[in-house]
Amino acid sequence: MNARAETTDACDLRFGQVGIACVRVRRVDAAALCDELERRVRAAPQMFARAAVVLDLSHLSSLPDDGAVDALLEAVRSAGMLPVGLAYGTSETEALAKRMGLPLIAKFRAAYEPAAAAVTQPARTEPAPPPEPILSAPAAGNRQSTEHHIGAVRSGQQVYARDCDLIVTGTVANGAEVIADGNIHIYGGLRGRAMAGAQGDEKARIFVSGFRAELVAIAGQYRVFEQIPPELEGQSVQCWLEGEKLLIARL
């Protein structure tokens, strides 16, 4: 074996921005969970089919046993998604993750609540239908720096602005993603996906010159569009959160 072969590493290991969804379980019912996730996959297969997801068990009244968690994981797989870990939580969650052979994903920090906060169905992050456009809204969240992307974002391409706003001076194509921890400004058409407030900033906003999006999301709250509402198609719009509702209105 020559010297070059001897000193060549077998691989590179790097950390980067990875698109992972969070499934917040509201009750231990594998069949109901599978049905709910199947509905999401059917509604937006380009977004959710074979999507990597993290299981968040923090909103259950108590941590399920290993068999119940295994059934929940299998329900996620049966629905067409791929569970890749558990949301970071308590020491009991860490022990459970070790027994299940799964990692804890620190980006998703489980918010444990009192046992009385039991609910009856899996979490729904999809907000209500679009409201009537309004003429005024709260000011957008402020960031101290901005990343610029000059030109189009092509299908299959992802642009991520970490800890700052993102300005795109071109079209975001179908199948493309633009992500920012702050606000997103798109001075062109949005045909793909835009996700602002990626680290949980609920004051973040999305501004688009030509709205034909596949999906928009702010701080994890999202809307998927099979068909753009006629009053919004091709228009200049802004997107923001009010509580847990993602609102969209013409500029």
Protein backbone atom coordinates (compact mmCIF):
# COMPACT_ATOMS: atom_id res chain seq x y z
CA MET A 1 0.00 0.00 0.00
CA ASN A 2 1.50 3.34 -0.96
CA ALA A 3 1.90 6.28 1.42
CA ARG A 4 -1.01 8.18 -0.14
CA ALA A 5 -3.44 5.32 0.51
CA GLU A 6 -2.14 4.91 4.09
CA THR A 7 -2.80 8.53 5.03
CA THR A 8 -6.18 8.97 3.30
CA ASP A 9 -9.04 9.25 5.78
CA ALA A 10 -11.92 6.84 5.37
CA CYS A 11 -14.49 9.66 5.60
CA ASP A 12 -15.23 13.26 6.57
CA LEU A 13 -17.64 14.04 9.40
CA ARG A 14 -19.29 17.45 9.46
CA PHE A 15 -22.28 19.07 11.10
CA GLY A 16 -24.62 21.15 8.97
CA GLN A 17 -28.16 22.45 8.62
CA VAL A 18 -30.47 19.48 8.18
CA GLY A 19 -34.17 19.65 7.43
CA ILE A 20 -35.84 17.60 10.16
CA ALA A 21 -39.51 17.83 11.15
CA CYS A 22 -40.81 17.34 14.69
CA VAL A 23 -43.74 15.04 15.51
CA ARG A 24 -45.13 16.10 18.89
CA VAL A 25 -47.13 13.17 20.22
CA ARG A 26 -50.26 14.14 22.17
CA ARG A 27 -51.48 10.66 23.16
CA VAL A 28 -50.09 7.13 23.03
CA ASP A 29 -52.17 5.78 20.16
CA ALA A 30 -50.07 4.30 17.38
CA ALA A 31 -53.03 3.74 15.03
CA ALA A 32 -54.26 7.32 15.39
CA LEU A 33 -50.74 8.65 14.92
CA CYS A 34 -50.29 6.62 11.73
CA ASP A 35 -53.63 7.83 10.35
CA GLU A 36 -52.80 11.47 11.08
CA LEU A 37 -49.33 11.30 9.53
CA GLU A 38 -50.64 9.42 6.49
CA ARG A 39 -53.06 12.29 5.96
CA ARG A 40 -50.18 14.76 6.05
CA VAL A 41 -48.14 12.71 3.60
CA ARG A 42 -51.06 12.42 1.17
CA ALA A 43 -51.68 16.17 1.36
CA ALA A 44 -48.06 17.10 0.62
CA PRO A 45 -46.01 14.09 -0.53
CA GLN A 46 -43.23 16.29 -1.90
CA MET A 47 -42.70 17.63 1.61
CA PHE A 48 -43.43 14.72 3.94
CA ALA A 49 -42.89 11.45 2.04
CA ARG A 50 -39.77 9.85 3.57
CA ALA A 51 -39.20 12.99 5.63
CA ALA A 52 -36.79 12.70 8.56
CA VAL A 53 -38.67 13.35 11.80
CA VAL A 54 -37.92 13.64 15.51
CA LEU A 55 -40.39 12.22 18.02
CA ASP A 56 -41.27 14.65 20.84
CA LEU A 57 -42.85 12.87 23.83
CA SER A 58 -42.80 15.85 26.19
CA HIS A 59 -46.52 16.62 26.01
CA LEU A 60 -47.59 13.22 27.30
CA SER A 61 -48.68 12.91 30.93
CA SER A 62 -45.95 10.31 31.47
CA LEU A 63 -43.17 8.78 29.43
CA PRO A 64 -44.41 5.64 27.60
CA ASP A 65 -42.75 2.28 28.10
CA ASP A 66 -40.36 0.89 25.50
CA GLY A 67 -43.00 -1.21 23.77
CA ALA A 68 -45.35 1.74 23.35
CA VAL A 69 -42.56 3.93 21.98
CA ASP A 70 -41.54 1.19 19.56
CA ALA A 71 -45.16 1.07 18.33
CA LEU A 72 -45.16 4.86 17.84
CA LEU A 73 -41.92 4.67 15.86
CA GLU A 74 -43.36 1.92 13.68
CA ALA A 75 -46.48 4.06 13.12
CA VAL A 76 -44.27 6.89 11.85
CA ARG A 77 -42.51 4.49 9.47
CA SER A 78 -45.81 3.00 8.28
CA ALA A 79 -47.07 6.48 7.45
CA GLY A 80 -44.13 6.99 5.11
CA MET A 81 -41.83 9.07 7.33
CA LEU A 82 -38.45 8.17 8.83
CA PRO A 83 -37.93 8.60 12.61
CA VAL A 84 -34.32 9.61 13.27
CA GLY A 85 -34.34 10.40 16.99
CA LEU A 86 -36.10 11.71 20.08
CA ALA A 87 -36.41 15.34 21.11
CA TYR A 88 -33.95 16.33 23.82
CA GLY A 89 -35.70 16.22 27.19
CA THR A 90 -35.19 14.72 30.65
CA SER A 91 -32.73 12.11 31.88
CA GLU A 92 -35.54 9.54 31.49
CA THR A 93 -35.85 10.51 27.82
CA GLU A 94 -32.10 10.10 27.41
CA ALA A 95 -32.23 6.62 28.94
CA LEU A 96 -35.17 5.71 26.70
CA ALA A 97 -33.30 6.92 23.61
CA LYS A 98 -30.31 4.76 24.53
CA ARG A 99 -32.49 1.69 24.96
CA MET A 100 -34.20 2.35 21.62
CA GLY A 101 -30.86 2.89 19.87
CA LEU A 102 -31.83 6.44 18.87
CA PRO A 103 -30.02 9.76 19.27
CA LEU A 104 -31.35 12.75 21.20
CA ILE A 105 -31.68 15.76 18.89
CA ALA A 106 -30.72 18.81 20.94
CA LYS A 107 -32.16 21.26 18.39
CA PHE A 108 -35.63 20.06 19.44
CA ARG A 109 -35.75 20.77 23.16
CA ALA A 110 -38.82 19.14 24.63
CA ALA A 111 -40.84 21.52 26.82
CA TYR A 112 -42.15 19.32 29.63
CA GLU A 113 -45.47 20.46 31.08
CA PRO A 114 -47.55 19.36 34.12
CA ALA A 115 -49.23 15.98 33.90
CA ALA A 116 -52.64 17.68 33.84
CA ALA A 117 -51.92 19.01 30.37
CA ALA A 118 -53.05 15.77 28.68
CA VAL A 119 -54.73 16.19 25.30
CA THR A 120 -56.65 13.91 23.02
CA GLN A 121 -54.91 13.80 19.67
CA PRO A 122 -51.53 14.17 17.95
CA ALA A 123 -50.29 17.72 17.53
CA ARG A 124 -51.42 19.68 14.51
CA THR A 125 -48.96 22.31 13.40
CA GLU A 126 -50.92 23.15 10.29
CA PRO A 127 -52.77 26.42 10.98
CA ALA A 128 -56.32 27.32 10.03
CA PRO A 129 -57.24 28.37 6.45
CA PRO A 130 -55.97 31.79 5.32
CA PRO A 131 -57.73 34.73 6.93
CA GLU A 132 -59.06 37.70 5.06
CA PRO A 133 -56.12 39.96 4.18
CA ILE A 134 -55.58 42.80 6.63
CA LEU A 135 -53.99 46.16 5.95
CA SER A 136 -51.66 46.44 8.90
CA ALA A 137 -49.65 44.07 11.06
CA PRO A 138 -46.96 44.17 13.76
CA ALA A 139 -43.44 45.14 12.80
CA ALA A 140 -41.10 42.37 11.69
CA GLY A 141 -38.43 41.05 14.01
CA ASN A 142 -35.09 42.85 13.76
CA ARG A 143 -31.75 41.22 12.97
CA GLN A 144 -28.31 42.77 13.08
CA SER A 145 -26.98 41.09 9.94
CA THR A 146 -28.26 39.91 6.59
CA GLU A 147 -27.17 37.30 4.07
CA HIS A 148 -27.74 38.05 0.37
CA HIS A 149 -28.32 35.46 -2.34
CA ILE A 150 -28.01 37.01 -5.78
CA GLY A 151 -30.01 35.27 -8.51
CA ALA A 152 -32.33 32.29 -8.60
CA VAL A 153 -32.42 29.38 -6.14
CA ARG A 154 -32.68 26.29 -8.34
CA SER A 155 -34.78 23.16 -7.76
CA GLY A 156 -33.07 20.91 -5.19
CA GLN A 157 -30.95 23.77 -3.85
CA GLN A 158 -31.12 24.99 -0.24
CA VAL A 159 -29.98 28.39 1.01
CA TYR A 160 -29.70 28.83 4.79
CA ALA A 161 -28.97 32.12 6.58
CA ARG A 162 -27.79 31.23 10.07
CA ASP A 163 -28.46 33.78 12.84
CA CYS A 164 -29.52 36.45 10.35
CA ASP A 165 -32.06 37.57 7.77
CA LEU A 166 -32.00 36.35 4.18
CA ILE A 167 -32.53 38.43 1.04
CA VAL A 168 -33.01 36.61 -2.26
CA THR A 169 -32.91 38.68 -5.46
CA GLY A 170 -34.36 36.07 -7.79
CA THR A 171 -36.90 33.29 -8.08
CA VAL A 172 -37.05 30.37 -5.65
CA ALA A 173 -37.93 27.45 -7.93
CA ASN A 174 -40.21 24.49 -7.25
CA GLY A 175 -38.34 22.03 -5.05
CA ALA A 176 -35.95 24.69 -3.73
CA GLU A 177 -35.72 25.83 -0.10
CA VAL A 178 -34.74 29.11 1.51
CA ILE A 179 -34.29 29.07 5.29
CA ALA A 180 -33.32 31.81 7.74
CA ASP A 181 -33.12 32.16 11.49
CA GLY A 182 -34.52 35.67 10.95
CA ASN A 183 -36.74 37.21 8.28
CA ILE A 184 -36.82 36.23 4.60
CA HIS A 185 -37.19 38.78 1.78
CA ILE A 186 -37.68 37.36 -1.73
CA TYR A 187 -37.51 39.95 -4.51
CA GLY A 188 -38.81 37.51 -7.09
CA GLY A 189 -41.23 34.61 -7.30
CA LEU A 190 -41.53 32.01 -4.56
CA ARG A 191 -42.48 28.65 -6.09
CA GLY A 192 -40.63 26.45 -3.61
CA ARG A 193 -40.42 26.55 0.19
CA ALA A 194 -39.54 29.42 2.55
CA MET A 195 -38.93 28.85 6.28
CA ALA A 196 -38.20 31.85 8.52
CA GLY A 197 -37.47 31.84 12.26
CA ALA A 198 -35.83 28.45 11.86
CA GLN A 199 -34.50 28.47 15.44
CA GLY A 200 -37.87 29.44 16.91
CA ASP A 201 -38.10 33.22 16.38
CA GLU A 202 -41.87 33.78 16.32
CA LYS A 203 -41.41 37.44 15.31
CA ALA A 204 -39.75 36.49 12.03
CA ARG A 205 -41.55 37.29 8.78
CA ILE A 206 -41.54 36.29 5.13
CA PHE A 207 -41.90 38.90 2.36
CA VAL A 208 -42.46 37.74 -1.22
CA SER A 209 -42.85 39.66 -4.47
CA GLY A 210 -44.62 36.86 -6.40
CA PHE A 211 -46.38 34.29 -4.24
CA ARG A 212 -46.81 30.75 -5.64
CA ALA A 213 -45.30 28.81 -2.75
CA GLU A 214 -45.26 25.07 -2.07
CA LEU A 215 -44.86 25.80 1.63
CA VAL A 216 -44.17 28.68 4.00
CA ALA A 217 -43.23 28.27 7.66
CA ILE A 218 -42.35 30.51 10.59
CA ALA A 219 -40.90 29.09 13.82
CA GLY A 220 -42.14 25.62 12.86
CA GLN A 221 -45.74 26.64 12.07
CA TYR A 222 -46.36 25.92 8.41
CA ARG A 223 -48.86 26.04 5.57
CA VAL A 224 -48.73 23.70 2.59
CA PHE A 225 -50.34 24.86 -0.65
CA GLU A 226 -51.82 22.41 -3.13
CA GLN A 227 -53.53 25.40 -4.74
CA ILE A 228 -52.76 29.05 -4.03
CA PRO A 229 -55.83 31.11 -3.03
CA PRO A 230 -56.79 33.22 -6.09
CA GLU A 231 -56.47 36.49 -4.17
CA LEU A 232 -52.85 35.67 -3.28
CA GLU A 233 -51.52 33.97 -6.42
CA GLY A 234 -48.67 35.96 -7.95
CA GLN A 235 -49.16 38.81 -5.48
CA SER A 236 -46.72 40.54 -3.17
CA VAL A 237 -47.45 39.17 0.31
CA GLN A 238 -46.14 39.01 3.83
CA CYS A 239 -46.40 36.08 6.24
CA TRP A 240 -46.31 36.30 10.03
CA LEU A 241 -47.47 34.52 13.17
CA GLU A 242 -50.29 35.48 15.49
CA GLY A 243 -50.20 32.98 18.31
CA GLU A 244 -50.02 29.60 16.56
CA LYS A 245 -51.67 30.80 13.35
CA LEU A 246 -49.58 31.61 10.31
CA LEU A 247 -51.24 34.56 8.53
CA ILE A 248 -50.72 35.70 4.96
CA ALA A 249 -51.84 39.01 3.47
CA ARG A 250 -51.15 41.08 0.37
CA LEU A 251 -48.73 43.94 0.72
